[in-house]
Amino acid sequence: MSHLEPTVYIQDTCLHCHRQIDWMEQEGYAFVTKEVSDPAHREEFFQQGGTGTPLTVVINSDGVATSVQGFQRKKLERMLKENI
């Protein structure tokens, strides 16, 4: 089973969101962004336990979701290497 791309829930005005996106692009990670101002994305964000942005969610090959709240580079590196 192939892995899904990480989903990064963002807000357009969130500086940490833009820093994380820039970092992920520089590191070559493929990912999907979802703006939480969109009602459908906001509902997903809250279902994933989101309380602030960025929220990065990875679903592993077993269908288990792992998330990192905020731009925490070390945690993101570990999560992405383990699940991508």
C-alpha atoms as a PDB file:
ATOM      1  CA  MET A   1       0.000   0.000   0.000  1.00  0.00           C
ATOM      2  CA  SER A   2       1.425   3.400  -0.928  1.00  0.00           C
ATOM      3  CA  HIS A   3       1.686   6.189   1.573  1.00  0.00           C
ATOM      4  CA  LEU A   4      -0.460   9.266   1.289  1.00  0.00           C
ATOM      5  CA  GLU A   5       1.103  12.681   1.073  1.00  0.00           C
ATOM      6  CA  PRO A   6       1.113  14.592   4.351  1.00  0.00           C
ATOM      7  CA  THR A   7      -1.666  17.118   4.768  1.00  0.00           C
ATOM      8  CA  VAL A   8      -0.704  20.493   6.205  1.00  0.00           C
ATOM      9  CA  TYR A   9      -3.614  22.542   7.539  1.00  0.00           C
ATOM     10  CA  ILE A  10      -2.750  26.224   7.277  1.00  0.00           C
ATOM     11  CA  GLN A  11      -4.024  29.767   7.563  1.00  0.00           C
ATOM     12  CA  ASP A  12      -2.988  32.250   4.921  1.00  0.00           C
ATOM     13  CA  THR A  13      -1.876  34.768   7.551  1.00  0.00           C
ATOM     14  CA  CYS A  14       0.116  32.222   9.616  1.00  0.00           C
ATOM     15  CA  LEU A  15       3.859  32.960   9.525  1.00  0.00           C
ATOM     16  CA  HIS A  16       4.772  29.538  10.955  1.00  0.00           C
ATOM     17  CA  CYS A  17       2.654  27.884   8.252  1.00  0.00           C
ATOM     18  CA  HIS A  18       4.625  29.627   5.521  1.00  0.00           C
ATOM     19  CA  ARG A  19       7.935  28.779   7.191  1.00  0.00           C
ATOM     20  CA  GLN A  20       6.969  25.122   7.405  1.00  0.00           C
ATOM     21  CA  ILE A  21       5.796  25.000   3.785  1.00  0.00           C
ATOM     22  CA  ASP A  22       9.042  26.631   2.635  1.00  0.00           C
ATOM     23  CA  TRP A  23      11.075  24.131   4.666  1.00  0.00           C
ATOM     24  CA  MET A  24       9.110  21.115   3.373  1.00  0.00           C
ATOM     25  CA  GLU A  25       9.549  22.306  -0.213  1.00  0.00           C
ATOM     26  CA  GLN A  26      13.305  22.820   0.316  1.00  0.00           C
ATOM     27  CA  GLU A  27      13.591  19.305   1.769  1.00  0.00           C
ATOM     28  CA  GLY A  28      11.717  17.865  -1.218  1.00  0.00           C
ATOM     29  CA  TYR A  29       8.665  16.555   0.625  1.00  0.00           C
ATOM     30  CA  ALA A  30       5.453  16.218  -1.355  1.00  0.00           C
ATOM     31  CA  PHE A  31       2.439  17.425   0.614  1.00  0.00           C
ATOM     32  CA  VAL A  32      -1.076  18.829   0.335  1.00  0.00           C
ATOM     33  CA  THR A  33      -2.106  22.101   1.956  1.00  0.00           C
ATOM     34  CA  LYS A  34      -5.609  22.794   3.170  1.00  0.00           C
ATOM     35  CA  GLU A  35      -6.677  26.286   4.187  1.00  0.00           C
ATOM     36  CA  VAL A  36      -8.759  26.145   7.375  1.00  0.00           C
ATOM     37  CA  SER A  37     -10.817  29.143   6.260  1.00  0.00           C
ATOM     38  CA  ASP A  38     -12.594  26.684   3.924  1.00  0.00           C
ATOM     39  CA  PRO A  39     -15.479  25.192   5.979  1.00  0.00           C
ATOM     40  CA  ALA A  40     -14.850  21.635   4.748  1.00  0.00           C
ATOM     41  CA  HIS A  41     -11.147  21.845   5.593  1.00  0.00           C
ATOM     42  CA  ARG A  42     -11.885  23.463   8.952  1.00  0.00           C
ATOM     43  CA  GLU A  43     -14.117  20.502   9.853  1.00  0.00           C
ATOM     44  CA  GLU A  44     -11.318  18.056   8.897  1.00  0.00           C
ATOM     45  CA  PHE A  45      -8.858  20.154  10.906  1.00  0.00           C
ATOM     46  CA  PHE A  46     -10.970  19.866  14.051  1.00  0.00           C
ATOM     47  CA  GLN A  47     -11.613  16.146  13.458  1.00  0.00           C
ATOM     48  CA  GLN A  48      -7.822  15.654  13.418  1.00  0.00           C
ATOM     49  CA  GLY A  49      -7.570  17.387  16.812  1.00  0.00           C
ATOM     50  CA  GLY A  50      -6.343  20.693  15.437  1.00  0.00           C
ATOM     51  CA  THR A  51      -6.111  23.626  17.826  1.00  0.00           C
ATOM     52  CA  GLY A  52      -3.720  25.824  15.858  1.00  0.00           C
ATOM     53  CA  THR A  53      -1.852  25.978  12.602  1.00  0.00           C
ATOM     54  CA  PRO A  54       0.121  24.541  11.048  1.00  0.00           C
ATOM     55  CA  LEU A  55      -1.181  21.050  11.739  1.00  0.00           C
ATOM     56  CA  THR A  56       0.551  18.300   9.769  1.00  0.00           C
ATOM     57  CA  VAL A  57      -1.148  14.924   9.464  1.00  0.00           C
ATOM     58  CA  VAL A  58       0.364  11.759   7.978  1.00  0.00           C
ATOM     59  CA  ILE A  59      -1.602   8.558   7.515  1.00  0.00           C
ATOM     60  CA  ASN A  60       0.671   5.512   7.546  1.00  0.00           C
ATOM     61  CA  SER A  61       0.252   2.320   5.524  1.00  0.00           C
ATOM     62  CA  ASP A  62      -1.923   0.847   8.302  1.00  0.00           C
ATOM     63  CA  GLY A  63      -4.327   3.786   8.087  1.00  0.00           C
ATOM     64  CA  VAL A  64      -3.179   5.273  11.405  1.00  0.00           C
ATOM     65  CA  ALA A  65      -2.958   9.060  11.519  1.00  0.00           C
ATOM     66  CA  THR A  66      -0.014  10.775  13.189  1.00  0.00           C
ATOM     67  CA  SER A  67       0.069  14.539  13.610  1.00  0.00           C
ATOM     68  CA  VAL A  68       2.359  17.364  14.628  1.00  0.00           C
ATOM     69  CA  GLN A  69       0.888  20.619  15.893  1.00  0.00           C
ATOM     70  CA  GLY A  70       2.907  23.695  14.975  1.00  0.00           C
ATOM     71  CA  PHE A  71       6.152  23.967  13.031  1.00  0.00           C
ATOM     72  CA  GLN A  72       8.320  21.605  15.058  1.00  0.00           C
ATOM     73  CA  ARG A  73      11.092  20.716  12.629  1.00  0.00           C
ATOM     74  CA  LYS A  74      12.633  17.796  14.573  1.00  0.00           C
ATOM     75  CA  LYS A  75       9.268  16.114  15.190  1.00  0.00           C
ATOM     76  CA  LEU A  76       8.262  16.650  11.565  1.00  0.00           C
ATOM     77  CA  GLU A  77      11.530  15.179  10.276  1.00  0.00           C
ATOM     78  CA  ARG A  78      11.076  12.095  12.440  1.00  0.00           C
ATOM     79  CA  MET A  79       7.401  11.663  11.510  1.00  0.00           C
ATOM     80  CA  LEU A  80       7.981  12.164   7.794  1.00  0.00           C
ATOM     81  CA  LYS A  81      10.967   9.800   7.651  1.00  0.00           C
ATOM     82  CA  GLU A  82       9.068   7.093   9.517  1.00  0.00           C
ATOM     83  CA  ASN A  83       5.873   7.353   7.501  1.00  0.00           C
ATOM     84  CA  ILE A  84       6.766   8.481   3.980  1.00  0.00           C
END
